[in-house]
N, C-alpha and C. Protein backbone atom coordinates (compact mmCIF):
# COMPACT_ATOMS: atom_id res chain seq x y z
N MET A 1 -42.60 11.59 -87.19
CA MET A 1 -41.21 11.17 -87.14
C MET A 1 -40.62 12.50 -86.25
N ALA A 2 -40.70 13.36 -87.35
CA ALA A 2 -39.96 15.24 -86.84
C ALA A 2 -40.41 15.42 -85.77
N GLN A 3 -42.44 15.26 -85.86
CA GLN A 3 -42.96 15.97 -84.60
C GLN A 3 -42.74 15.36 -83.59
N GLU A 4 -42.30 13.71 -83.64
CA GLU A 4 -41.80 13.22 -81.82
C GLU A 4 -40.41 13.39 -81.71
N LYS A 5 -39.59 13.59 -82.42
CA LYS A 5 -38.15 13.91 -82.13
C LYS A 5 -38.13 15.04 -81.32
N LYS A 6 -39.26 16.47 -82.11
CA LYS A 6 -39.33 17.57 -81.35
C LYS A 6 -40.27 17.51 -79.98
N GLU A 7 -41.32 16.63 -79.77
CA GLU A 7 -41.61 16.75 -78.67
C GLU A 7 -40.29 15.90 -77.61
N ARG A 8 -39.80 15.24 -78.17
CA ARG A 8 -38.27 14.37 -77.18
C ARG A 8 -37.68 15.75 -76.51
N THR A 9 -37.53 16.43 -77.61
CA THR A 9 -36.29 17.44 -77.25
C THR A 9 -36.98 18.84 -76.47
N ASP A 10 -38.08 18.74 -76.66
CA ASP A 10 -39.34 19.87 -76.09
C ASP A 10 -39.10 19.12 -74.20
N ARG A 11 -39.12 17.87 -74.21
CA ARG A 11 -39.27 17.31 -73.36
C ARG A 11 -37.99 17.70 -72.26
N ARG A 12 -36.94 17.47 -73.09
CA ARG A 12 -35.48 17.51 -72.46
C ARG A 12 -35.11 18.57 -72.45
N ILE A 13 -35.32 19.70 -72.92
CA ILE A 13 -35.33 20.99 -72.51
C ILE A 13 -36.07 21.33 -71.15
N ARG A 14 -37.11 20.88 -71.05
CA ARG A 14 -37.76 21.41 -70.13
C ARG A 14 -37.55 20.85 -68.50
N LYS A 15 -36.76 19.54 -68.67
CA LYS A 15 -36.52 18.73 -67.73
C LYS A 15 -34.99 19.37 -67.55
N THR A 16 -34.26 19.88 -68.20
CA THR A 16 -33.12 20.54 -67.86
C THR A 16 -33.37 22.06 -67.12
N GLU A 17 -34.35 22.53 -67.80
CA GLU A 17 -34.61 23.71 -67.25
C GLU A 17 -35.38 23.76 -66.03
N ALA A 18 -36.08 22.60 -65.65
CA ALA A 18 -36.71 22.33 -64.32
C ALA A 18 -35.50 21.84 -63.19
N GLN A 19 -34.61 21.24 -64.05
CA GLN A 19 -33.52 20.94 -62.97
C GLN A 19 -32.74 21.94 -62.48
N LEU A 20 -32.34 22.82 -63.65
CA LEU A 20 -31.41 24.52 -63.26
C LEU A 20 -32.57 25.38 -61.90
N LEU A 21 -33.74 25.44 -62.33
CA LEU A 21 -34.64 26.18 -61.26
C LEU A 21 -34.21 25.65 -60.06
N GLN A 22 -35.02 24.24 -59.81
CA GLN A 22 -35.01 23.58 -58.54
C GLN A 22 -33.38 24.25 -57.78
N SER A 23 -32.21 23.82 -58.91
CA SER A 23 -30.87 23.50 -58.21
C SER A 23 -30.65 25.22 -57.64
N LEU A 24 -31.11 26.47 -58.27
CA LEU A 24 -30.74 27.79 -57.75
C LEU A 24 -31.80 28.14 -56.77
N MET A 25 -33.05 27.54 -56.97
CA MET A 25 -33.71 27.76 -55.42
C MET A 25 -32.99 27.25 -54.59
N THR A 26 -32.96 26.37 -54.34
CA THR A 26 -31.92 25.08 -53.42
C THR A 26 -30.85 26.14 -52.95
N LEU A 27 -29.88 26.40 -53.53
CA LEU A 27 -28.96 27.32 -53.51
C LEU A 27 -29.23 29.08 -52.60
N MET A 28 -30.18 29.38 -53.37
CA MET A 28 -30.62 30.65 -53.10
C MET A 28 -31.36 30.64 -51.56
N GLN A 29 -31.67 29.49 -50.88
CA GLN A 29 -31.92 29.29 -49.72
C GLN A 29 -31.24 29.61 -49.18
N GLU A 30 -29.44 29.28 -49.56
CA GLU A 30 -28.53 29.12 -48.26
C GLU A 30 -27.49 30.97 -48.92
N LYS A 31 -27.36 31.34 -49.82
CA LYS A 31 -26.35 32.61 -50.19
C LYS A 31 -27.31 33.50 -51.40
N ASP A 32 -26.59 34.76 -51.24
CA ASP A 32 -27.52 35.76 -52.16
C ASP A 32 -26.80 35.03 -53.86
N ILE A 33 -27.30 35.73 -54.64
CA ILE A 33 -26.90 35.49 -56.33
C ILE A 33 -25.69 35.88 -56.14
N LYS A 34 -25.01 36.89 -55.87
CA LYS A 34 -23.87 36.73 -56.47
C LYS A 34 -22.69 35.93 -56.07
N ASP A 35 -23.62 35.42 -54.87
CA ASP A 35 -22.53 34.04 -54.27
C ASP A 35 -22.55 32.99 -54.96
N ILE A 36 -23.27 32.52 -56.02
CA ILE A 36 -23.55 31.55 -56.81
C ILE A 36 -23.24 31.28 -58.47
N SER A 37 -22.09 30.22 -58.47
CA SER A 37 -21.44 30.43 -59.72
C SER A 37 -21.90 29.44 -60.72
N VAL A 38 -21.72 29.61 -61.96
CA VAL A 38 -22.66 28.37 -63.33
C VAL A 38 -22.27 27.61 -62.75
N LYS A 39 -20.76 26.75 -62.38
CA LYS A 39 -20.39 25.87 -61.97
C LYS A 39 -20.59 25.13 -61.02
N GLU A 40 -20.87 25.84 -59.92
CA GLU A 40 -21.57 25.47 -58.65
C GLU A 40 -23.18 24.91 -58.96
N LEU A 41 -23.80 25.42 -59.90
CA LEU A 41 -25.37 25.38 -60.02
C LEU A 41 -25.54 24.53 -61.04
N SER A 42 -24.55 24.10 -62.09
CA SER A 42 -24.63 23.02 -62.80
C SER A 42 -24.42 21.88 -62.54
N ASP A 43 -23.47 21.84 -61.05
CA ASP A 43 -23.02 20.58 -60.31
C ASP A 43 -24.33 20.22 -59.66
N LEU A 44 -24.98 21.12 -59.02
CA LEU A 44 -26.23 20.59 -58.16
C LEU A 44 -27.15 20.10 -59.12
N ALA A 45 -27.07 20.48 -60.35
CA ALA A 45 -27.91 20.37 -61.47
C ALA A 45 -28.18 18.80 -62.25
N ASP A 46 -26.60 18.69 -62.22
CA ASP A 46 -25.93 17.32 -62.52
C ASP A 46 -25.81 18.02 -64.13
N ILE A 47 -25.80 18.95 -64.83
CA ILE A 47 -25.59 19.22 -66.39
C ILE A 47 -24.25 19.41 -66.27
N ASN A 48 -24.20 20.02 -67.86
CA ASN A 48 -22.82 20.11 -67.76
C ASN A 48 -22.70 21.77 -67.68
N ARG A 49 -21.90 22.73 -67.82
CA ARG A 49 -21.97 23.72 -67.82
C ARG A 49 -22.09 24.20 -69.45
N GLY A 50 -22.06 23.60 -70.27
CA GLY A 50 -22.18 24.16 -71.94
C GLY A 50 -23.58 23.88 -72.17
N THR A 51 -24.12 23.09 -71.48
CA THR A 51 -25.68 22.92 -70.91
C THR A 51 -26.61 24.41 -70.68
N PHE A 52 -25.63 24.67 -69.61
CA PHE A 52 -26.46 25.67 -68.95
C PHE A 52 -26.00 27.09 -69.99
N TYR A 53 -25.08 26.97 -70.56
CA TYR A 53 -25.11 28.01 -71.50
C TYR A 53 -26.11 28.26 -72.45
N LEU A 54 -26.89 27.06 -73.22
CA LEU A 54 -27.56 26.85 -73.96
C LEU A 54 -29.03 27.84 -73.88
N HIS A 55 -28.81 27.72 -72.91
CA HIS A 55 -30.27 28.66 -72.19
C HIS A 55 -29.76 30.19 -71.46
N TYR A 56 -28.76 30.34 -71.15
CA TYR A 56 -28.87 31.60 -70.05
C TYR A 56 -27.24 31.59 -70.10
N ARG A 57 -27.05 33.26 -70.26
CA ARG A 57 -25.96 33.55 -70.40
C ARG A 57 -25.24 33.94 -68.95
N ASP A 58 -25.93 33.68 -67.53
CA ASP A 58 -25.05 33.34 -66.42
C ASP A 58 -26.35 33.30 -65.43
N VAL A 59 -26.02 33.31 -64.60
CA VAL A 59 -26.95 32.98 -63.27
C VAL A 59 -28.15 34.04 -63.36
N TYR A 60 -27.18 35.33 -63.31
CA TYR A 60 -28.37 36.66 -63.21
C TYR A 60 -29.23 36.57 -64.05
N ASP A 61 -28.99 36.57 -65.23
CA ASP A 61 -29.92 36.11 -66.61
C ASP A 61 -30.73 34.61 -66.31
N MET A 62 -30.36 33.69 -65.58
CA MET A 62 -31.37 33.01 -65.15
C MET A 62 -32.15 33.65 -64.08
N LEU A 63 -32.47 33.83 -63.72
CA LEU A 63 -32.75 34.77 -62.40
C LEU A 63 -33.93 35.45 -63.03
N SER A 64 -33.16 36.39 -63.57
CA SER A 64 -34.39 37.46 -64.55
C SER A 64 -35.15 36.90 -64.87
N GLN A 65 -34.78 35.96 -65.74
CA GLN A 65 -36.12 35.07 -66.68
C GLN A 65 -36.75 34.58 -65.76
N VAL A 66 -36.41 33.91 -64.60
CA VAL A 66 -37.68 33.00 -63.60
C VAL A 66 -38.48 34.05 -63.40
N GLU A 67 -37.84 35.22 -62.76
CA GLU A 67 -38.59 36.40 -62.08
C GLU A 67 -39.56 36.88 -63.40
N ASP A 68 -39.10 37.18 -64.65
CA ASP A 68 -39.85 37.75 -65.49
C ASP A 68 -41.14 37.01 -65.76
N SER A 69 -40.91 35.52 -65.92
CA SER A 69 -42.06 34.03 -65.67
C SER A 69 -42.99 34.40 -64.63
N VAL A 70 -42.70 35.22 -63.72
CA VAL A 70 -43.68 34.91 -62.26
C VAL A 70 -44.31 36.07 -62.42
N PHE A 71 -43.52 37.24 -63.12
CA PHE A 71 -44.16 38.50 -63.24
C PHE A 71 -45.49 38.16 -63.91
N GLN A 72 -45.35 37.82 -65.39
CA GLN A 72 -46.16 37.88 -66.17
C GLN A 72 -47.24 37.03 -65.65
N GLU A 73 -47.21 36.16 -64.83
CA GLU A 73 -48.31 35.30 -64.24
C GLU A 73 -49.27 35.93 -63.44
N PHE A 74 -48.29 36.37 -62.57
CA PHE A 74 -48.70 37.46 -61.48
C PHE A 74 -49.42 38.65 -62.27
N ASN A 75 -49.34 39.15 -62.97
CA ASN A 75 -49.96 39.91 -63.86
C ASN A 75 -50.88 40.00 -64.76
N ASP A 76 -51.34 38.42 -65.18
CA ASP A 76 -52.53 38.12 -65.93
C ASP A 76 -53.43 37.56 -64.65
N ILE A 77 -52.80 37.06 -63.58
CA ILE A 77 -53.84 37.28 -62.49
C ILE A 77 -54.43 38.90 -62.17
N LEU A 78 -53.71 39.68 -61.64
CA LEU A 78 -54.07 41.05 -61.49
C LEU A 78 -54.93 41.56 -62.61
N ASP A 79 -54.77 41.60 -63.79
CA ASP A 79 -55.37 42.01 -65.05
C ASP A 79 -57.00 41.67 -65.12
N LYS A 80 -57.02 39.99 -64.61
CA LYS A 80 -58.38 39.47 -64.51
C LYS A 80 -58.92 39.80 -63.40
N ASN A 81 -58.14 40.33 -62.09
CA ASN A 81 -59.36 40.57 -61.06
C ASN A 81 -59.54 42.15 -61.16
N PHE A 82 -58.65 42.78 -61.59
CA PHE A 82 -58.73 44.21 -61.77
C PHE A 82 -59.19 44.78 -62.99
N ALA A 83 -59.78 44.35 -64.04
CA ALA A 83 -60.39 44.68 -64.81
C ALA A 83 -61.39 45.72 -64.50
N PRO A 84 -61.77 46.88 -65.74
CA PRO A 84 -62.42 47.69 -65.29
C PRO A 84 -64.05 47.56 -65.03
N THR A 85 -64.07 46.33 -65.95
CA THR A 85 -65.56 45.57 -65.57
C THR A 85 -65.67 44.57 -64.70
N GLY A 86 -64.53 44.17 -63.93
CA GLY A 86 -64.79 43.04 -63.11
C GLY A 86 -65.23 43.29 -61.69
N GLU A 87 -65.80 42.41 -61.21
CA GLU A 87 -66.84 42.84 -59.90
C GLU A 87 -66.37 42.19 -58.73
N ALA A 88 -65.07 41.25 -59.32
CA ALA A 88 -64.17 40.19 -57.84
C ALA A 88 -64.23 41.02 -56.90
N SER A 89 -64.76 39.87 -56.02
CA SER A 89 -64.65 40.23 -54.35
C SER A 89 -63.28 40.32 -53.68
N MET A 90 -63.10 40.75 -52.72
CA MET A 90 -61.73 40.94 -52.12
C MET A 90 -60.84 39.54 -51.73
N HIS A 91 -62.01 38.81 -51.76
CA HIS A 91 -61.36 37.60 -51.30
C HIS A 91 -61.30 36.42 -52.28
N ALA A 92 -61.77 37.00 -53.33
CA ALA A 92 -61.68 36.48 -54.60
C ALA A 92 -60.29 36.64 -55.23
N VAL A 93 -60.16 37.82 -55.11
CA VAL A 93 -58.99 38.30 -55.85
C VAL A 93 -57.79 37.67 -54.77
N VAL A 94 -57.53 37.59 -53.24
CA VAL A 94 -56.37 37.42 -52.46
C VAL A 94 -56.42 35.95 -52.59
N LYS A 95 -57.50 35.23 -52.76
CA LYS A 95 -57.20 33.58 -53.22
C LYS A 95 -56.74 33.28 -54.21
N ASP A 96 -57.13 34.09 -55.22
CA ASP A 96 -56.37 33.90 -56.43
C ASP A 96 -54.63 34.00 -56.24
N ILE A 97 -54.84 35.07 -55.67
CA ILE A 97 -52.91 35.51 -55.63
C ILE A 97 -52.59 33.99 -54.75
N PHE A 98 -53.26 34.14 -53.43
CA PHE A 98 -52.46 33.15 -52.34
C PHE A 98 -52.11 31.75 -53.31
N SER A 99 -53.32 31.02 -54.21
CA SER A 99 -53.31 30.07 -54.87
C SER A 99 -51.94 30.17 -55.88
N PHE A 100 -51.74 31.37 -56.70
CA PHE A 100 -50.70 31.09 -57.23
C PHE A 100 -49.47 31.46 -56.66
N LEU A 101 -49.26 31.54 -55.28
CA LEU A 101 -48.25 31.33 -54.28
C LEU A 101 -47.95 30.38 -54.02
N ASP A 102 -49.24 29.57 -53.75
CA ASP A 102 -49.09 27.98 -53.60
C ASP A 102 -48.40 27.25 -54.37
N ASN A 103 -48.94 27.52 -55.49
CA ASN A 103 -48.47 26.89 -57.05
C ASN A 103 -47.13 26.94 -57.36
N ASN A 104 -46.76 28.29 -56.62
CA ASN A 104 -45.23 28.50 -57.09
C ASN A 104 -44.34 28.75 -55.68
N ARG A 105 -44.47 27.69 -54.79
CA ARG A 105 -44.09 27.98 -53.64
C ARG A 105 -42.85 27.90 -53.15
N LEU A 106 -41.83 27.19 -53.93
CA LEU A 106 -40.49 27.27 -53.63
C LEU A 106 -39.85 28.64 -53.98
N ILE A 107 -40.36 29.12 -55.25
CA ILE A 107 -39.69 29.98 -55.85
C ILE A 107 -40.19 31.08 -54.94
N ALA A 108 -41.46 31.59 -54.93
CA ALA A 108 -41.95 32.66 -53.92
C ALA A 108 -41.19 32.91 -52.44
N ARG A 109 -41.07 31.40 -52.14
CA ARG A 109 -40.46 31.16 -50.29
C ARG A 109 -39.11 31.91 -50.76
N THR A 110 -38.62 31.61 -52.09
CA THR A 110 -37.13 31.69 -52.21
C THR A 110 -36.63 33.38 -52.18
N LEU A 111 -37.58 33.66 -53.59
CA LEU A 111 -37.44 35.22 -53.55
C LEU A 111 -37.90 36.20 -52.21
N LEU A 112 -38.40 35.65 -51.61
CA LEU A 112 -39.44 36.56 -50.53
C LEU A 112 -38.21 35.95 -49.45
N GLY A 113 -37.23 35.50 -49.26
CA GLY A 113 -36.78 34.75 -48.39
C GLY A 113 -35.23 35.85 -47.70
N PRO A 114 -34.44 35.33 -47.19
CA PRO A 114 -33.33 36.38 -46.54
C PRO A 114 -32.22 36.56 -47.65
N HIS A 115 -32.32 35.51 -48.85
CA HIS A 115 -31.34 35.54 -49.89
C HIS A 115 -32.02 36.13 -50.90
N GLY A 116 -33.48 36.50 -50.83
CA GLY A 116 -34.11 36.36 -52.31
C GLY A 116 -33.89 37.95 -52.73
N ASP A 117 -34.88 38.60 -53.37
CA ASP A 117 -34.52 39.36 -54.38
C ASP A 117 -35.50 40.97 -53.77
N LEU A 118 -35.25 41.82 -53.21
CA LEU A 118 -35.78 43.50 -52.59
C LEU A 118 -36.35 43.75 -53.69
N ALA A 119 -35.85 43.82 -55.31
CA ALA A 119 -36.01 44.51 -56.27
C ALA A 119 -37.19 43.79 -56.66
N PHE A 120 -37.18 42.39 -56.60
CA PHE A 120 -38.75 41.49 -57.07
C PHE A 120 -39.78 42.08 -56.24
N VAL A 121 -39.54 42.07 -54.74
CA VAL A 121 -40.58 41.92 -53.89
C VAL A 121 -41.41 43.82 -54.52
N ASN A 122 -40.29 44.53 -55.06
CA ASN A 122 -41.06 46.24 -54.70
C ASN A 122 -41.81 45.82 -56.04
N ARG A 123 -41.38 45.37 -57.11
CA ARG A 123 -41.93 45.51 -58.33
C ARG A 123 -43.51 44.67 -57.92
N MET A 124 -43.45 43.18 -57.65
CA MET A 124 -44.83 43.19 -57.27
C MET A 124 -45.68 44.02 -56.64
N LYS A 125 -45.14 44.68 -55.33
CA LYS A 125 -45.65 45.98 -54.54
C LYS A 125 -46.48 47.12 -55.54
N GLU A 126 -45.26 47.26 -56.45
CA GLU A 126 -45.87 48.50 -57.49
C GLU A 126 -47.07 47.96 -58.36
N MET A 127 -46.90 47.34 -58.91
CA MET A 127 -47.80 46.33 -59.91
C MET A 127 -49.06 46.20 -59.28
N VAL A 128 -49.70 46.12 -57.71
CA VAL A 128 -50.80 46.24 -57.32
C VAL A 128 -51.06 47.36 -56.71
N ARG A 129 -49.90 48.04 -56.51
CA ARG A 129 -50.38 49.66 -56.06
C ARG A 129 -51.15 50.46 -57.13
N LEU A 130 -50.38 50.09 -58.64
CA LEU A 130 -50.78 50.74 -59.85
C LEU A 130 -52.53 50.34 -59.76
N ARG A 131 -52.28 49.09 -60.07
CA ARG A 131 -53.82 48.93 -60.12
C ARG A 131 -54.90 49.22 -58.89
N LEU A 132 -54.70 49.43 -57.82
CA LEU A 132 -55.61 49.81 -56.75
C LEU A 132 -55.63 51.27 -57.27
N LEU A 133 -54.76 52.13 -57.73
CA LEU A 133 -54.99 53.93 -57.91
C LEU A 133 -55.87 53.31 -59.03
N ARG A 134 -55.90 52.93 -59.80
CA ARG A 134 -56.74 53.17 -61.15
C ARG A 134 -58.57 52.77 -60.67
N LEU A 135 -58.50 52.34 -59.32
CA LEU A 135 -60.01 51.95 -58.56
C LEU A 135 -60.24 52.73 -57.77
N ARG A 136 -59.64 54.10 -57.43
CA ARG A 136 -59.88 54.84 -56.64
C ARG A 136 -61.11 55.48 -56.62
N THR A 137 -61.57 55.55 -55.76
CA THR A 137 -63.21 55.97 -55.54
C THR A 137 -63.29 57.37 -54.90
N GLN A 138 -64.75 57.90 -54.85
CA GLN A 138 -64.50 59.01 -54.21
C GLN A 138 -64.51 59.23 -52.86
N GLU A 139 -64.51 57.72 -52.08
CA GLU A 139 -64.47 57.37 -50.72
C GLU A 139 -63.00 57.10 -50.61
N ALA A 140 -62.11 56.91 -51.47
CA ALA A 140 -60.66 56.57 -51.00
C ALA A 140 -60.09 57.73 -50.25
N PRO A 141 -59.32 57.29 -49.25
CA PRO A 141 -58.23 58.66 -49.01
C PRO A 141 -57.92 59.53 -49.73
N PRO A 142 -56.91 60.54 -49.32
CA PRO A 142 -56.42 61.47 -50.32
C PRO A 142 -55.15 60.89 -50.40
N ALA A 143 -54.59 61.16 -51.62
CA ALA A 143 -53.40 60.41 -52.05
C ALA A 143 -52.41 60.01 -51.07
N ASP A 144 -51.88 61.25 -50.29
CA ASP A 144 -50.49 61.04 -49.08
C ASP A 144 -51.30 59.79 -48.30
N ASP A 145 -52.67 60.08 -48.05
CA ASP A 145 -53.06 59.10 -46.88
C ASP A 145 -53.04 57.90 -47.80
N PHE A 146 -53.24 57.62 -48.89
CA PHE A 146 -53.49 56.38 -49.66
C PHE A 146 -51.92 55.48 -49.36
N ASP A 147 -50.87 56.06 -49.55
CA ASP A 147 -49.42 55.69 -50.10
C ASP A 147 -48.96 54.99 -48.34
N TYR A 148 -50.20 55.66 -47.28
CA TYR A 148 -50.23 55.49 -45.86
C TYR A 148 -50.46 54.39 -45.99
N TYR A 149 -51.72 53.93 -46.27
CA TYR A 149 -52.64 53.04 -46.09
C TYR A 149 -51.95 51.94 -47.16
N TYR A 150 -51.66 51.55 -48.10
CA TYR A 150 -50.92 50.75 -48.72
C TYR A 150 -49.52 50.66 -48.25
N ALA A 151 -48.01 51.09 -47.93
CA ALA A 151 -47.65 50.89 -47.33
C ALA A 151 -47.45 49.70 -46.14
N PHE A 152 -48.96 50.06 -45.32
CA PHE A 152 -49.00 49.51 -43.91
C PHE A 152 -49.83 47.95 -44.50
N ILE A 153 -50.71 48.18 -45.39
CA ILE A 153 -50.90 47.00 -45.79
C ILE A 153 -50.33 45.89 -46.46
N THR A 154 -49.57 46.41 -47.60
CA THR A 154 -48.62 45.56 -48.20
C THR A 154 -47.36 45.07 -47.58
N SER A 155 -46.90 46.17 -46.41
CA SER A 155 -45.67 45.58 -45.41
C SER A 155 -46.07 43.88 -44.81
N GLY A 156 -47.44 44.38 -44.09
CA GLY A 156 -48.41 43.69 -43.36
C GLY A 156 -48.56 41.96 -43.97
N CYS A 157 -48.70 42.27 -45.48
CA CYS A 157 -49.35 40.89 -46.24
C CYS A 157 -48.31 40.43 -46.45
N ILE A 158 -47.09 41.36 -47.17
CA ILE A 158 -45.80 40.39 -47.32
C ILE A 158 -45.03 39.74 -46.18
N GLY A 159 -44.93 40.45 -44.92
CA GLY A 159 -44.37 39.23 -43.38
C GLY A 159 -45.74 38.39 -43.43
N LEU A 160 -47.01 38.12 -43.58
CA LEU A 160 -48.18 37.43 -43.22
C LEU A 160 -47.71 35.91 -44.42
N ILE A 161 -47.53 36.71 -45.94
CA ILE A 161 -47.05 35.65 -47.15
C ILE A 161 -45.91 34.38 -47.03
N GLN A 162 -44.84 35.37 -46.22
CA GLN A 162 -43.65 34.45 -45.62
C GLN A 162 -43.56 34.02 -44.54
N SER A 163 -44.49 34.27 -43.59
CA SER A 163 -44.83 33.32 -42.53
C SER A 163 -45.61 32.00 -42.86
N TRP A 164 -46.62 32.34 -43.97
CA TRP A 164 -47.27 31.39 -44.50
C TRP A 164 -46.62 30.30 -45.50
N LEU A 165 -45.88 30.90 -46.27
CA LEU A 165 -44.96 30.09 -46.96
C LEU A 165 -43.70 29.34 -46.63
N ASN A 166 -43.62 29.68 -45.21
CA ASN A 166 -42.33 28.79 -44.42
C ASN A 166 -42.89 28.07 -43.39
N ARG A 167 -44.30 27.89 -43.32
CA ARG A 167 -45.04 26.56 -42.71
C ARG A 167 -44.83 25.70 -43.38
N GLU A 168 -44.77 24.38 -42.40
CA GLU A 168 -44.36 23.29 -42.67
C GLU A 168 -45.56 22.49 -43.26
N THR A 169 -47.05 22.90 -42.71
CA THR A 169 -48.17 22.41 -42.98
C THR A 169 -49.35 23.87 -43.35
N PRO A 170 -48.84 24.49 -44.50
CA PRO A 170 -49.65 25.55 -44.27
C PRO A 170 -51.01 25.79 -44.91
N GLU A 171 -51.76 26.31 -44.33
CA GLU A 171 -53.24 26.52 -44.51
C GLU A 171 -53.51 26.62 -46.08
N PRO A 172 -54.38 26.04 -46.81
CA PRO A 172 -54.97 26.12 -48.17
C PRO A 172 -55.25 27.84 -48.66
N PRO A 173 -55.15 27.85 -49.58
CA PRO A 173 -55.17 29.25 -49.93
C PRO A 173 -56.87 30.30 -49.72
N ASP A 174 -57.29 29.13 -49.55
CA ASP A 174 -58.90 29.98 -49.27
C ASP A 174 -58.91 30.13 -48.00
N ARG A 175 -58.20 29.45 -47.13
CA ARG A 175 -58.44 29.69 -45.57
C ARG A 175 -57.73 30.83 -45.55
N ILE A 176 -56.79 30.78 -45.91
CA ILE A 176 -55.48 32.15 -45.85
C ILE A 176 -56.23 33.43 -46.26
N ALA A 177 -56.93 33.44 -47.21
CA ALA A 177 -57.08 34.70 -48.27
C ALA A 177 -58.36 35.20 -47.34
N SER A 178 -59.25 33.81 -46.73
CA SER A 178 -60.23 34.84 -45.34
C SER A 178 -59.29 35.34 -44.67
N LEU A 179 -58.48 34.92 -43.98
CA LEU A 179 -57.90 35.74 -43.09
C LEU A 179 -57.45 36.92 -43.25
N VAL A 180 -56.46 36.88 -44.61
CA VAL A 180 -56.04 38.52 -45.06
C VAL A 180 -57.02 39.23 -45.03
N GLU A 181 -58.41 39.07 -45.68
CA GLU A 181 -59.50 40.17 -45.95
C GLU A 181 -60.15 40.15 -44.14
N LYS A 182 -60.07 39.57 -43.10
CA LYS A 182 -60.05 39.66 -41.82
C LYS A 182 -59.46 40.80 -41.54
N MET A 183 -58.14 40.81 -41.25
CA MET A 183 -57.08 41.56 -41.13
C MET A 183 -57.40 42.60 -41.87
N ILE A 184 -57.43 42.68 -43.48
CA ILE A 184 -57.28 44.24 -44.25
C ILE A 184 -58.64 44.50 -43.77
N LEU A 185 -59.81 44.09 -43.40
CA LEU A 185 -61.12 44.58 -43.32
C LEU A 185 -61.51 45.33 -41.82
N GLN A 186 -60.85 44.37 -40.62
CA GLN A 186 -61.26 44.62 -39.51
C GLN A 186 -60.00 45.45 -38.65
N GLY A 187 -58.86 45.03 -39.60
CA GLY A 187 -57.48 45.69 -38.84
C GLY A 187 -57.05 44.65 -37.62
N LEU A 188 -56.72 45.55 -36.30
CA LEU A 188 -56.32 44.48 -35.34
C LEU A 188 -56.91 44.25 -34.19
N SER A 189 -58.61 44.86 -34.33
CA SER A 189 -59.29 44.67 -33.48
C SER A 189 -59.64 43.85 -32.92
N PRO A 190 -59.67 42.45 -33.60
CA PRO A 190 -60.04 41.30 -33.00
C PRO A 190 -58.78 41.01 -31.70
N MET A 191 -57.41 41.59 -32.02
CA MET A 191 -56.44 41.12 -31.19
C MET A 191 -56.68 42.05 -29.72
N LEU A 192 -57.11 43.00 -29.69
CA LEU A 192 -56.98 44.09 -28.70
C LEU A 192 -58.34 44.13 -28.01
N PRO A 193 -57.75 44.36 -26.58
CA PRO A 193 -59.02 44.14 -25.36
C PRO A 193 -60.32 45.48 -25.70
N ALA A 194 -61.43 45.26 -25.34
CA ALA A 194 -62.53 46.04 -26.06
C ALA A 194 -62.25 47.31 -25.16
N PRO A 195 -62.65 48.42 -25.62
CA PRO A 195 -62.76 49.24 -24.72
C PRO A 195 -63.19 49.44 -23.73
N ILE A 196 -62.89 50.38 -22.15
CA ILE A 196 -63.51 49.98 -21.02
C ILE A 196 -64.44 50.96 -21.27
N ARG A 197 -65.73 50.71 -20.66
CA ARG A 197 -66.78 51.71 -20.54
C ARG A 197 -66.81 52.60 -19.59
N THR A 198 -67.08 54.04 -19.29
CA THR A 198 -67.43 54.57 -18.35
C THR A 198 -68.46 54.83 -18.01
């Protein structure tokens, strides 16, 4: 009996948190976090403010908890793919990342959108950068050049991810992972005219 009551309570909590998350992401499509009030968020989620405060201190605390949850999952993916003994291919790594983004599409689209959180994006980029630095080999570019390579690739990938997340019918993760792998390995060469031979 006590177990059944606990399960009902847990379900109710999950439902409330899901309603609040959906409402926060909806509001952040239209405005910055600083312009969102607890009342507005609670009204949209159809709960009272007292219920909101059972879960979060304020909207910033809620956003922080959402981001921490995303980071933890993203970190787990990176740990799996960048393990010292791991031999995951670039395609497998990128596919895992795009599958993760696909499963969290609303959150990812919102946080990477015009009213999203730049600190969130930078934190994710830094997580990947640190993993890649650990994998440096003798053939890797010098440290200064590495930073340029990394800035070029990550900025391009962020732009591609934003474009992909905003499509009405986005390609599946496997297809977009192949495209990203091709872009990273071949650069812009497929788009440029062949050099004229003299």
